[in-house]
Amino acid sequence: VVEGLHKSYKDQKVLKGIDFTVRRGTVLALLGPNGA
């Protein structure tokens, strides 16, 4: 369970409030380009 996840490196915001959940026994793919 992921709720409101934020992460920055100084003034560079890398994560801006990520939310998602993964059901047991399943595959969740995080899809995105380099740097996403």
All heavy atoms as atom14 arrays in JSON, in Angstrom:
{
  "sequence": "VVEGLHKSYKDQKVLKGIDFTVRRGTVLALLGPNGA",
  "atom14_mask": [
    [1, 1, 1, 1, 1, 1, 1, 0, 0, 0, 0, 0, 0, 0],
    [1, 1, 1, 1, 1, 1, 1, 0, 0, 0, 0, 0, 0, 0],
    [1, 1, 1, 1, 1, 1, 1, 1, 1, 0, 0, 0, 0, 0],
    [1, 1, 1, 1, 0, 0, 0, 0, 0, 0, 0, 0, 0, 0],
    [1, 1, 1, 1, 1, 1, 1, 1, 0, 0, 0, 0, 0, 0],
    [1, 1, 1, 1, 1, 1, 1, 1, 1, 1, 0, 0, 0, 0],
    [1, 1, 1, 1, 1, 1, 1, 1, 1, 0, 0, 0, 0, 0],
    [1, 1, 1, 1, 1, 1, 0, 0, 0, 0, 0, 0, 0, 0],
    [1, 1, 1, 1, 1, 1, 1, 1, 1, 1, 1, 1, 0, 0],
    [1, 1, 1, 1, 1, 1, 1, 1, 1, 0, 0, 0, 0, 0],
    [1, 1, 1, 1, 1, 1, 1, 1, 0, 0, 0, 0, 0, 0],
    [1, 1, 1, 1, 1, 1, 1, 1, 1, 0, 0, 0, 0, 0],
    [1, 1, 1, 1, 1, 1, 1, 1, 1, 0, 0, 0, 0, 0],
    [1, 1, 1, 1, 1, 1, 1, 0, 0, 0, 0, 0, 0, 0],
    [1, 1, 1, 1, 1, 1, 1, 1, 0, 0, 0, 0, 0, 0],
    [1, 1, 1, 1, 1, 1, 1, 1, 1, 0, 0, 0, 0, 0],
    [1, 1, 1, 1, 0, 0, 0, 0, 0, 0, 0, 0, 0, 0],
    [1, 1, 1, 1, 1, 1, 1, 1, 0, 0, 0, 0, 0, 0],
    [1, 1, 1, 1, 1, 1, 1, 1, 0, 0, 0, 0, 0, 0],
    [1, 1, 1, 1, 1, 1, 1, 1, 1, 1, 1, 0, 0, 0],
    [1, 1, 1, 1, 1, 1, 1, 0, 0, 0, 0, 0, 0, 0],
    [1, 1, 1, 1, 1, 1, 1, 0, 0, 0, 0, 0, 0, 0],
    [1, 1, 1, 1, 1, 1, 1, 1, 1, 1, 1, 0, 0, 0],
    [1, 1, 1, 1, 1, 1, 1, 1, 1, 1, 1, 0, 0, 0],
    [1, 1, 1, 1, 0, 0, 0, 0, 0, 0, 0, 0, 0, 0],
    [1, 1, 1, 1, 1, 1, 1, 0, 0, 0, 0, 0, 0, 0],
    [1, 1, 1, 1, 1, 1, 1, 0, 0, 0, 0, 0, 0, 0],
    [1, 1, 1, 1, 1, 1, 1, 1, 0, 0, 0, 0, 0, 0],
    [1, 1, 1, 1, 1, 0, 0, 0, 0, 0, 0, 0, 0, 0],
    [1, 1, 1, 1, 1, 1, 1, 1, 0, 0, 0, 0, 0, 0],
    [1, 1, 1, 1, 1, 1, 1, 1, 0, 0, 0, 0, 0, 0],
    [1, 1, 1, 1, 0, 0, 0, 0, 0, 0, 0, 0, 0, 0],
    [1, 1, 1, 1, 1, 1, 1, 0, 0, 0, 0, 0, 0, 0],
    [1, 1, 1, 1, 1, 1, 1, 1, 0, 0, 0, 0, 0, 0],
    [1, 1, 1, 1, 0, 0, 0, 0, 0, 0, 0, 0, 0, 0],
    [1, 1, 1, 1, 1, 0, 0, 0, 0, 0, 0, 0, 0, 0]
  ],
  "atom14_positions": [
    [[0.86, -1.19, 0.0], [0.0, 0.0, 0.0], [0.9, 1.24, 0.0], [1.75, 1.39, 0.88], [-0.92, 0.03, 1.23], [-1.77, 1.3, 1.23], [-1.8, -1.21, 1.29], [0.0, 0.0, 0.0], [0.0, 0.0, 0.0], [0.0, 0.0, 0.0], [0.0, 0.0, 0.0], [0.0, 0.0, 0.0], [0.0, 0.0, 0.0], [0.0, 0.0, 0.0]],
    [[0.74, 2.1, -0.99], [1.53, 3.33, -1.1], [0.56, 4.5, -1.17], [-0.32, 4.54, -2.02], [2.41, 3.31, -2.38], [3.17, 4.62, -2.53], [3.37, 2.13, -2.35], [0.0, 0.0, 0.0], [0.0, 0.0, 0.0], [0.0, 0.0, 0.0], [0.0, 0.0, 0.0], [0.0, 0.0, 0.0], [0.0, 0.0, 0.0], [0.0, 0.0, 0.0]],
    [[0.75, 5.46, -0.26], [-0.15, 6.61, -0.18], [0.65, 7.91, -0.08], [1.45, 8.09, 0.84], [-1.07, 6.47, 1.04], [-1.98, 5.25, 0.99], [-2.76, 5.04, 2.28], [-2.39, 5.68, 3.3], [-3.71, 4.25, 2.28], [0.0, 0.0, 0.0], [0.0, 0.0, 0.0], [0.0, 0.0, 0.0], [0.0, 0.0, 0.0], [0.0, 0.0, 0.0]],
    [[0.45, 8.8, -1.02], [1.01, 10.15, -0.96], [2.52, 10.2, -0.87], [3.07, 11.01, -0.12], [0.0, 0.0, 0.0], [0.0, 0.0, 0.0], [0.0, 0.0, 0.0], [0.0, 0.0, 0.0], [0.0, 0.0, 0.0], [0.0, 0.0, 0.0], [0.0, 0.0, 0.0], [0.0, 0.0, 0.0], [0.0, 0.0, 0.0], [0.0, 0.0, 0.0]],
    [[3.19, 9.38, -1.66], [4.65, 9.27, -1.56], [5.34, 10.44, -2.27], [5.14, 10.67, -3.46], [5.1, 7.94, -2.19], [6.52, 7.46, -1.86], [6.66, 7.24, -0.37], [6.82, 6.18, -2.62], [0.0, 0.0, 0.0], [0.0, 0.0, 0.0], [0.0, 0.0, 0.0], [0.0, 0.0, 0.0], [0.0, 0.0, 0.0], [0.0, 0.0, 0.0]],
    [[6.18, 11.16, -1.5], [6.96, 12.28, -2.03], [8.44, 12.04, -1.77], [8.83, 11.54, -0.72], [6.57, 13.6, -1.36], [5.25, 14.14, -1.8], [4.05, 13.67, -1.32], [4.94, 15.14, -2.69], [3.05, 14.35, -1.88], [3.56, 15.24, -2.71], [0.0, 0.0, 0.0], [0.0, 0.0, 0.0], [0.0, 0.0, 0.0], [0.0, 0.0, 0.0]],
    [[9.27, 12.44, -2.74], [10.72, 12.4, -2.56], [11.36, 13.45, -3.44], [11.05, 13.57, -4.62], [11.28, 11.01, -2.93], [12.78, 10.87, -2.7], [13.14, 10.99, -1.22], [14.65, 10.86, -0.98], [15.0, 11.02, 0.45], [0.0, 0.0, 0.0], [0.0, 0.0, 0.0], [0.0, 0.0, 0.0], [0.0, 0.0, 0.0], [0.0, 0.0, 0.0]],
    [[12.27, 14.23, -2.82], [13.01, 15.25, -3.56], [14.48, 15.11, -3.25], [14.87, 14.65, -2.17], [12.54, 16.65, -3.18], [11.18, 16.85, -3.51], [0.0, 0.0, 0.0], [0.0, 0.0, 0.0], [0.0, 0.0, 0.0], [0.0, 0.0, 0.0], [0.0, 0.0, 0.0], [0.0, 0.0, 0.0], [0.0, 0.0, 0.0], [0.0, 0.0, 0.0]],
    [[15.32, 15.53, -4.21], [16.75, 15.66, -3.99], [17.05, 17.15, -4.1], [17.08, 17.69, -5.2], [17.55, 14.86, -5.01], [17.26, 13.37, -4.96], [16.73, 12.72, -6.06], [17.52, 12.64, -3.81], [16.46, 11.35, -6.01], [17.25, 11.28, -3.75], [16.73, 10.64, -4.86], [16.46, 9.29, -4.81], [0.0, 0.0, 0.0], [0.0, 0.0, 0.0]],
    [[17.17, 17.81, -2.93], [17.26, 19.27, -2.87], [16.02, 19.87, -3.55], [14.91, 19.6, -3.14], [18.57, 19.77, -3.48], [19.78, 19.39, -2.62], [21.04, 20.11, -3.08], [22.2, 19.81, -2.14], [23.45, 20.47, -2.57], [0.0, 0.0, 0.0], [0.0, 0.0, 0.0], [0.0, 0.0, 0.0], [0.0, 0.0, 0.0], [0.0, 0.0, 0.0]],
    [[16.2, 20.62, -4.65], [15.04, 21.28, -5.26], [14.45, 20.46, -6.4], [13.53, 20.92, -7.09], [15.43, 22.67, -5.77], [16.56, 22.62, -6.81], [17.24, 21.56, -6.89], [16.77, 23.61, -7.52], [0.0, 0.0, 0.0], [0.0, 0.0, 0.0], [0.0, 0.0, 0.0], [0.0, 0.0, 0.0], [0.0, 0.0, 0.0], [0.0, 0.0, 0.0]],
    [[14.93, 19.24, -6.6], [14.42, 18.4, -7.68], [13.39, 17.42, -7.12], [13.73, 16.51, -6.35], [15.56, 17.63, -8.35], [16.56, 18.53, -9.04], [17.67, 17.74, -9.73], [17.62, 16.53, -9.81], [18.66, 18.45, -10.22], [0.0, 0.0, 0.0], [0.0, 0.0, 0.0], [0.0, 0.0, 0.0], [0.0, 0.0, 0.0], [0.0, 0.0, 0.0]],
    [[12.14, 17.6, -7.5], [11.07, 16.73, -7.04], [11.01, 15.49, -7.93], [10.69, 15.58, -9.11], [9.74, 17.47, -7.07], [9.67, 18.63, -6.09], [8.3, 19.29, -6.11], [8.24, 20.43, -5.1], [6.9, 21.09, -5.12], [0.0, 0.0, 0.0], [0.0, 0.0, 0.0], [0.0, 0.0, 0.0], [0.0, 0.0, 0.0], [0.0, 0.0, 0.0]],
    [[11.32, 14.35, -7.34], [11.35, 13.1, -8.1], [10.01, 12.38, -8.01], [9.52, 11.83, -9.0], [12.48, 12.18, -7.59], [12.52, 10.87, -8.36], [13.83, 12.9, -7.73], [0.0, 0.0, 0.0], [0.0, 0.0, 0.0], [0.0, 0.0, 0.0], [0.0, 0.0, 0.0], [0.0, 0.0, 0.0], [0.0, 0.0, 0.0], [0.0, 0.0, 0.0]],
    [[9.4, 12.37, -6.83], [8.07, 11.78, -6.64], [7.14, 12.86, -6.08], [7.49, 13.55, -5.13], [8.12, 10.59, -5.69], [9.0, 9.41, -6.11], [8.96, 8.32, -5.04], [8.56, 8.85, -7.46], [0.0, 0.0, 0.0], [0.0, 0.0, 0.0], [0.0, 0.0, 0.0], [0.0, 0.0, 0.0], [0.0, 0.0, 0.0], [0.0, 0.0, 0.0]],
    [[5.95, 12.96, -6.65], [5.06, 14.07, -6.33], [3.69, 13.59, -5.83], [2.66, 14.06, -6.29], [4.88, 14.97, -7.56], [6.2, 15.47, -8.14], [5.99, 16.2, -9.45], [7.31, 16.61, -10.08], [7.1, 17.26, -11.41], [0.0, 0.0, 0.0], [0.0, 0.0, 0.0], [0.0, 0.0, 0.0], [0.0, 0.0, 0.0], [0.0, 0.0, 0.0]],
    [[3.71, 12.64, -4.92], [2.44, 12.17, -4.36], [1.94, 10.9, -5.01], [0.78, 10.84, -5.45], [0.0, 0.0, 0.0], [0.0, 0.0, 0.0], [0.0, 0.0, 0.0], [0.0, 0.0, 0.0], [0.0, 0.0, 0.0], [0.0, 0.0, 0.0], [0.0, 0.0, 0.0], [0.0, 0.0, 0.0], [0.0, 0.0, 0.0], [0.0, 0.0, 0.0]],
    [[2.78, 9.87, -5.07], [2.43, 8.61, -5.71], [1.48, 7.8, -4.82], [1.7, 7.67, -3.62], [3.69, 7.76, -5.99], [4.63, 8.5, -6.95], [3.33, 6.4, -6.55], [4.11, 8.66, -8.34], [0.0, 0.0, 0.0], [0.0, 0.0, 0.0], [0.0, 0.0, 0.0], [0.0, 0.0, 0.0], [0.0, 0.0, 0.0], [0.0, 0.0, 0.0]],
    [[0.43, 7.25, -5.43], [-0.51, 6.36, -4.74], [-0.73, 5.11, -5.58], [-1.0, 5.22, -6.77], [-1.88, 7.02, -4.55], [-1.84, 8.23, -3.63], [-1.86, 8.04, -2.41], [-1.82, 9.37, -4.14], [0.0, 0.0, 0.0], [0.0, 0.0, 0.0], [0.0, 0.0, 0.0], [0.0, 0.0, 0.0], [0.0, 0.0, 0.0], [0.0, 0.0, 0.0]],
    [[-0.61, 3.93, -4.97], [-1.02, 2.69, -5.63], [-1.03, 1.56, -4.63], [-0.5, 1.67, -3.52], [-0.1, 2.34, -6.82], [1.33, 2.05, -6.47], [1.72, 0.78, -6.06], [2.31, 3.04, -6.58], [3.05, 0.5, -5.75], [3.63, 2.77, -6.27], [4.0, 1.49, -5.85], [0.0, 0.0, 0.0], [0.0, 0.0, 0.0], [0.0, 0.0, 0.0]],
    [[-1.68, 0.48, -4.99], [-1.69, -0.73, -4.17], [-1.42, -1.93, -5.06], [-1.64, -1.88, -6.26], [-3.05, -0.93, -3.47], [-4.09, -0.97, -4.46], [-3.34, 0.18, -2.48], [0.0, 0.0, 0.0], [0.0, 0.0, 0.0], [0.0, 0.0, 0.0], [0.0, 0.0, 0.0], [0.0, 0.0, 0.0], [0.0, 0.0, 0.0], [0.0, 0.0, 0.0]],
    [[-0.93, -2.99, -4.44], [-0.66, -4.24, -5.17], [-1.35, -5.39, -4.44], [-1.07, -5.63, -3.26], [0.86, -4.53, -5.27], [1.09, -5.74, -6.18], [1.62, -3.32, -5.77], [0.0, 0.0, 0.0], [0.0, 0.0, 0.0], [0.0, 0.0, 0.0], [0.0, 0.0, 0.0], [0.0, 0.0, 0.0], [0.0, 0.0, 0.0], [0.0, 0.0, 0.0]],
    [[-2.26, -6.06, -5.12], [-2.95, -7.2, -4.52], [-2.0, -8.37, -4.34], [-1.09, -8.57, -5.13], [-4.11, -7.64, -5.42], [-5.28, -6.65, -5.45], [-6.33, -7.09, -6.45], [-5.84, -6.96, -7.83], [-5.91, -7.93, -8.73], [-6.42, -9.11, -8.41], [-5.47, -7.72, -9.95], [0.0, 0.0, 0.0], [0.0, 0.0, 0.0], [0.0, 0.0, 0.0]],
    [[-2.23, -9.15, -3.32], [-1.39, -10.32, -3.07], [-1.48, -11.32, -4.22], [-2.55, -11.55, -4.77], [-1.82, -11.01, -1.76], [-1.58, -10.17, -0.53], [-1.82, -10.95, 0.75], [-1.77, -10.03, 1.9], [-0.64, -9.65, 2.48], [0.52, -10.1, 2.03], [-0.67, -8.83, 3.51], [0.0, 0.0, 0.0], [0.0, 0.0, 0.0], [0.0, 0.0, 0.0]],
    [[-0.32, -11.88, -4.57], [-0.28, -12.91, -5.61], [-0.48, -12.39, -7.01], [-0.88, -13.14, -7.91], [0.0, 0.0, 0.0], [0.0, 0.0, 0.0], [0.0, 0.0, 0.0], [0.0, 0.0, 0.0], [0.0, 0.0, 0.0], [0.0, 0.0, 0.0], [0.0, 0.0, 0.0], [0.0, 0.0, 0.0], [0.0, 0.0, 0.0], [0.0, 0.0, 0.0]],
    [[-0.22, -11.09, -7.23], [-0.36, -10.5, -8.57], [0.91, -9.76, -8.95], [1.82, -9.59, -8.14], [-1.55, -9.51, -8.64], [-1.27, -8.37, -7.8], [-2.84, -10.16, -8.18], [0.0, 0.0, 0.0], [0.0, 0.0, 0.0], [0.0, 0.0, 0.0], [0.0, 0.0, 0.0], [0.0, 0.0, 0.0], [0.0, 0.0, 0.0], [0.0, 0.0, 0.0]],
    [[0.95, -9.3, -10.2], [2.07, -8.49, -10.7], [1.56, -7.1, -11.01], [0.59, -6.93, -11.77], [2.68, -9.1, -11.98], [3.83, -8.22, -12.49], [3.16, -10.52, -11.75], [0.0, 0.0, 0.0], [0.0, 0.0, 0.0], [0.0, 0.0, 0.0], [0.0, 0.0, 0.0], [0.0, 0.0, 0.0], [0.0, 0.0, 0.0], [0.0, 0.0, 0.0]],
    [[2.2, -6.11, -10.41], [1.94, -4.71, -10.77], [3.16, -4.18, -11.49], [4.28, -4.29, -10.98], [1.67, -3.85, -9.54], [1.46, -2.37, -9.91], [-0.03, -2.06, -10.02], [2.11, -1.43, -8.92], [0.0, 0.0, 0.0], [0.0, 0.0, 0.0], [0.0, 0.0, 0.0], [0.0, 0.0, 0.0], [0.0, 0.0, 0.0], [0.0, 0.0, 0.0]],
    [[2.97, -3.61, -12.67], [4.08, -3.02, -13.43], [4.05, -1.51, -13.27], [3.02, -0.87, -13.48], [3.98, -3.39, -14.9], [0.0, 0.0, 0.0], [0.0, 0.0, 0.0], [0.0, 0.0, 0.0], [0.0, 0.0, 0.0], [0.0, 0.0, 0.0], [0.0, 0.0, 0.0], [0.0, 0.0, 0.0], [0.0, 0.0, 0.0], [0.0, 0.0, 0.0]],
    [[5.2, -0.95, -12.88], [5.4, 0.5, -12.91], [6.04, 0.83, -14.23], [7.19, 0.44, -14.49], [6.31, 0.95, -11.76], [5.77, 0.87, -10.34], [6.81, 1.4, -9.36], [4.47, 1.65, -10.2], [0.0, 0.0, 0.0], [0.0, 0.0, 0.0], [0.0, 0.0, 0.0], [0.0, 0.0, 0.0], [0.0, 0.0, 0.0], [0.0, 0.0, 0.0]],
    [[5.32, 1.52, -15.07], [5.75, 1.78, -16.44], [6.09, 3.25, -16.59], [5.35, 4.12, -16.14], [4.6, 1.4, -17.38], [4.87, 1.29, -18.86], [5.87, 0.19, -19.15], [3.57, 1.01, -19.6], [0.0, 0.0, 0.0], [0.0, 0.0, 0.0], [0.0, 0.0, 0.0], [0.0, 0.0, 0.0], [0.0, 0.0, 0.0], [0.0, 0.0, 0.0]],
    [[7.23, 3.54, -17.21], [7.6, 4.93, -17.42], [8.96, 5.07, -18.02], [9.74, 4.11, -18.03], [0.0, 0.0, 0.0], [0.0, 0.0, 0.0], [0.0, 0.0, 0.0], [0.0, 0.0, 0.0], [0.0, 0.0, 0.0], [0.0, 0.0, 0.0], [0.0, 0.0, 0.0], [0.0, 0.0, 0.0], [0.0, 0.0, 0.0], [0.0, 0.0, 0.0]],
    [[9.31, 6.25, -18.53], [10.61, 6.46, -19.15], [11.7, 6.61, -18.1], [11.43, 6.67, -16.9], [10.42, 7.77, -19.92], [9.43, 8.52, -19.08], [8.48, 7.47, -18.55], [0.0, 0.0, 0.0], [0.0, 0.0, 0.0], [0.0, 0.0, 0.0], [0.0, 0.0, 0.0], [0.0, 0.0, 0.0], [0.0, 0.0, 0.0], [0.0, 0.0, 0.0]],
    [[12.95, 6.68, -18.55], [14.05, 6.99, -17.63], [13.75, 8.31, -16.93], [13.35, 9.28, -17.57], [15.37, 7.11, -18.39], [15.87, 5.77, -18.9], [15.55, 4.74, -18.34], [16.64, 5.79, -19.97], [0.0, 0.0, 0.0], [0.0, 0.0, 0.0], [0.0, 0.0, 0.0], [0.0, 0.0, 0.0], [0.0, 0.0, 0.0], [0.0, 0.0, 0.0]],
    [[13.97, 8.33, -15.62], [13.75, 9.56, -14.88], [12.34, 9.78, -14.4], [12.06, 10.79, -13.76], [0.0, 0.0, 0.0], [0.0, 0.0, 0.0], [0.0, 0.0, 0.0], [0.0, 0.0, 0.0], [0.0, 0.0, 0.0], [0.0, 0.0, 0.0], [0.0, 0.0, 0.0], [0.0, 0.0, 0.0], [0.0, 0.0, 0.0], [0.0, 0.0, 0.0]],
    [[11.45, 8.82, -14.65], [10.05, 9.01, -14.25], [9.87, 8.88, -12.74], [8.91, 9.4, -12.18], [9.16, 7.99, -14.96], [0.0, 0.0, 0.0], [0.0, 0.0, 0.0], [0.0, 0.0, 0.0], [0.0, 0.0, 0.0], [0.0, 0.0, 0.0], [0.0, 0.0, 0.0], [0.0, 0.0, 0.0], [0.0, 0.0, 0.0], [0.0, 0.0, 0.0]]
  ]
}
